[in-house]
């Protein structure tokens, strides 16, 4: 998983930061 993809996702989902439990679960779902 590239850092660029993480950064892009974070920019597109500022309300769901991957630092939060909700963000982590959403990110894992997108990443898989």
PDB file of N, CA and C in Angstrom:
ATOM      1  N   UNK A   1       0.860  -1.195   0.000  1.00  0.00           N
ATOM      2  CA  UNK A   1       0.000   0.000   0.000  1.00  0.00           C
ATOM      3  C   UNK A   1       0.890   1.236   0.000  1.00  0.00           C
ATOM      4  N   UNK A   2       0.662   2.116  -0.949  1.00  0.00           N
ATOM      5  CA  UNK A   2       1.536   3.273  -1.095  1.00  0.00           C
ATOM      6  C   UNK A   2       1.108   4.418  -0.187  1.00  0.00           C
ATOM      7  N   UNK A   3       2.099   5.184   0.256  1.00  0.00           N
ATOM      8  CA  UNK A   3       1.821   6.342   1.094  1.00  0.00           C
ATOM      9  C   UNK A   3       1.024   7.375   0.315  1.00  0.00           C
ATOM     10  N   UNK A   4       1.287   7.462  -0.995  1.00  0.00           N
ATOM     11  CA  UNK A   4       0.536   8.405  -1.824  1.00  0.00           C
ATOM     12  C   UNK A   4      -0.955   8.108  -1.768  1.00  0.00           C
ATOM     13  N   UNK A   5      -1.302   6.819  -1.809  1.00  0.00           N
ATOM     14  CA  UNK A   5      -2.708   6.436  -1.772  1.00  0.00           C
ATOM     15  C   UNK A   5      -3.327   6.816  -0.431  1.00  0.00           C
ATOM     16  N   UNK A   6      -2.587   6.610   0.642  1.00  0.00           N
ATOM     17  CA  UNK A   6      -3.067   6.979   1.973  1.00  0.00           C
ATOM     18  C   UNK A   6      -3.293   8.485   2.053  1.00  0.00           C
ATOM     19  N   UNK A   7      -2.337   9.251   1.546  1.00  0.00           N
ATOM     20  CA  UNK A   7      -2.458  10.711   1.592  1.00  0.00           C
ATOM     21  C   UNK A   7      -3.640  11.180   0.756  1.00  0.00           C
ATOM     22  N   UNK A   8      -3.797  10.582  -0.430  1.00  0.00           N
ATOM     23  CA  UNK A   8      -4.906  10.956  -1.307  1.00  0.00           C
ATOM     24  C   UNK A   8      -6.235  10.652  -0.633  1.00  0.00           C
ATOM     25  N   UNK A   9      -6.337   9.465  -0.005  1.00  0.00           N
ATOM     26  CA  UNK A   9      -7.567   9.078   0.675  1.00  0.00           C
ATOM     27  C   UNK A   9      -7.862  10.035   1.826  1.00  0.00           C
ATOM     28  N   UNK A  10      -6.809  10.407   2.568  1.00  0.00           N
ATOM     29  CA  UNK A  10      -6.985  11.317   3.696  1.00  0.00           C
ATOM     30  C   UNK A  10      -7.506  12.672   3.225  1.00  0.00           C
ATOM     31  N   UNK A  11      -6.998  13.133   2.087  1.00  0.00           N
ATOM     32  CA  UNK A  11      -7.465  14.412   1.543  1.00  0.00           C
ATOM     33  C   UNK A  11      -8.922  14.313   1.120  1.00  0.00           C
ATOM     34  N   UNK A  12      -9.308  13.165   0.575  1.00  0.00           N
ATOM     35  CA  UNK A  12     -10.677  12.979   0.106  1.00  0.00           C
ATOM     36  C   UNK A  12     -11.650  12.699   1.245  1.00  0.00           C
ATOM     37  N   UNK A  13     -11.126  12.279   2.399  1.00  0.00           N
ATOM     38  CA  UNK A  13     -11.978  11.948   3.542  1.00  0.00           C
ATOM     39  C   UNK A  13     -11.448  12.613   4.805  1.00  0.00           C
ATOM     40  N   UNK A  14     -11.427  13.957   4.830  1.00  0.00           N
ATOM     41  CA  UNK A  14     -10.874  14.658   5.995  1.00  0.00           C
ATOM     42  C   UNK A  14     -11.651  14.394   7.273  1.00  0.00           C
ATOM     43  N   UNK A  15     -12.942  14.082   7.133  1.00  0.00           N
ATOM     44  CA  UNK A  15     -13.768  13.828   8.319  1.00  0.00           C
ATOM     45  C   UNK A  15     -13.546  12.436   8.868  1.00  0.00           C
ATOM     46  N   UNK A  16     -12.883  11.580   8.102  1.00  0.00           N
ATOM     47  CA  UNK A  16     -12.637  10.203   8.534  1.00  0.00           C
ATOM     48  C   UNK A  16     -11.138   9.950   8.556  1.00  0.00           C
ATOM     49  N   UNK A  17     -10.449  10.690   9.398  1.00  0.00           N
ATOM     50  CA  UNK A  17      -9.001  10.530   9.513  1.00  0.00           C
ATOM     51  C   UNK A  17      -8.662   9.094   9.861  1.00  0.00           C
ATOM     52  N   UNK A  18      -7.587   8.567   9.259  1.00  0.00           N
ATOM     53  CA  UNK A  18      -7.194   7.188   9.546  1.00  0.00           C
ATOM     54  C   UNK A  18      -6.622   7.053  10.951  1.00  0.00           C
ATOM     55  N   UNK A  19      -6.549   8.179  11.674  1.00  0.00           N
ATOM     56  CA  UNK A  19      -6.102   8.135  13.068  1.00  0.00           C
ATOM     57  C   UNK A  19      -7.249   7.753  13.999  1.00  0.00           C
ATOM     58  N   UNK A  20      -8.468   7.748  13.483  1.00  0.00           N
ATOM     59  CA  UNK A  20      -9.624   7.407  14.305  1.00  0.00           C
ATOM     60  C   UNK A  20     -10.055   5.972  14.040  1.00  0.00           C
ATOM     61  N   UNK A  21     -10.697   5.318  14.998  1.00  0.00           N
ATOM     62  CA  UNK A  21     -11.175   3.942  14.791  1.00  0.00           C
ATOM     63  C   UNK A  21     -12.070   3.830  13.562  1.00  0.00           C
ATOM     64  N   UNK A  22     -12.947   4.810  13.368  1.00  0.00           N
ATOM     65  CA  UNK A  22     -13.832   4.780  12.205  1.00  0.00           C
ATOM     66  C   UNK A  22     -13.014   4.878  10.922  1.00  0.00           C
ATOM     67  N   UNK A  23     -12.032   5.759  10.925  1.00  0.00           N
ATOM     68  CA  UNK A  23     -11.188   5.935   9.751  1.00  0.00           C
ATOM     69  C   UNK A  23     -10.379   4.688   9.449  1.00  0.00           C
ATOM     70  N   UNK A  24      -9.870   4.045  10.501  1.00  0.00           N
ATOM     71  CA  UNK A  24      -9.078   2.832  10.306  1.00  0.00           C
ATOM     72  C   UNK A  24      -9.924   1.743   9.667  1.00  0.00           C
ATOM     73  N   UNK A  25     -11.136   1.542  10.162  1.00  0.00           N
ATOM     74  CA  UNK A  25     -11.985   0.485   9.609  1.00  0.00           C
ATOM     75  C   UNK A  25     -12.375   0.800   8.169  1.00  0.00           C
ATOM     76  N   UNK A  26     -12.666   2.061   7.878  1.00  0.00           N
ATOM     77  CA  UNK A  26     -13.006   2.445   6.511  1.00  0.00           C
ATOM     78  C   UNK A  26     -11.803   2.267   5.602  1.00  0.00           C
ATOM     79  N   UNK A  27     -10.628   2.662   6.086  1.00  0.00           N
ATOM     80  CA  UNK A  27      -9.430   2.564   5.266  1.00  0.00           C
ATOM     81  C   UNK A  27      -9.084   1.119   4.966  1.00  0.00           C
ATOM     82  N   UNK A  28      -9.213   0.257   5.971  1.00  0.00           N
ATOM     83  CA  UNK A  28      -8.927  -1.164   5.756  1.00  0.00           C
ATOM     84  C   UNK A  28      -9.882  -1.750   4.724  1.00  0.00           C
ATOM     85  N   UNK A  29     -11.142  -1.315   4.766  1.00  0.00           N
ATOM     86  CA  UNK A  29     -12.129  -1.816   3.818  1.00  0.00           C
ATOM     87  C   UNK A  29     -11.766  -1.368   2.403  1.00  0.00           C
ATOM     88  N   UNK A  30     -11.330  -0.124   2.258  1.00  0.00           N
ATOM     89  CA  UNK A  30     -10.939   0.401   0.949  1.00  0.00           C
ATOM     90  C   UNK A  30      -9.647  -0.249   0.471  1.00  0.00           C
ATOM     91  N   UNK A  31      -8.712  -0.458   1.387  1.00  0.00           N
ATOM     92  CA  UNK A  31      -7.397  -0.980   1.018  1.00  0.00           C
ATOM     93  C   UNK A  31      -7.464  -2.434   0.570  1.00  0.00           C
ATOM     94  N   UNK A  32      -8.473  -3.162   1.035  1.00  0.00           N
ATOM     95  CA  UNK A  32      -8.543  -4.587   0.708  1.00  0.00           C
ATOM     96  C   UNK A  32      -9.337  -4.873  -0.547  1.00  0.00           C
TER      97      UNK A  32
END
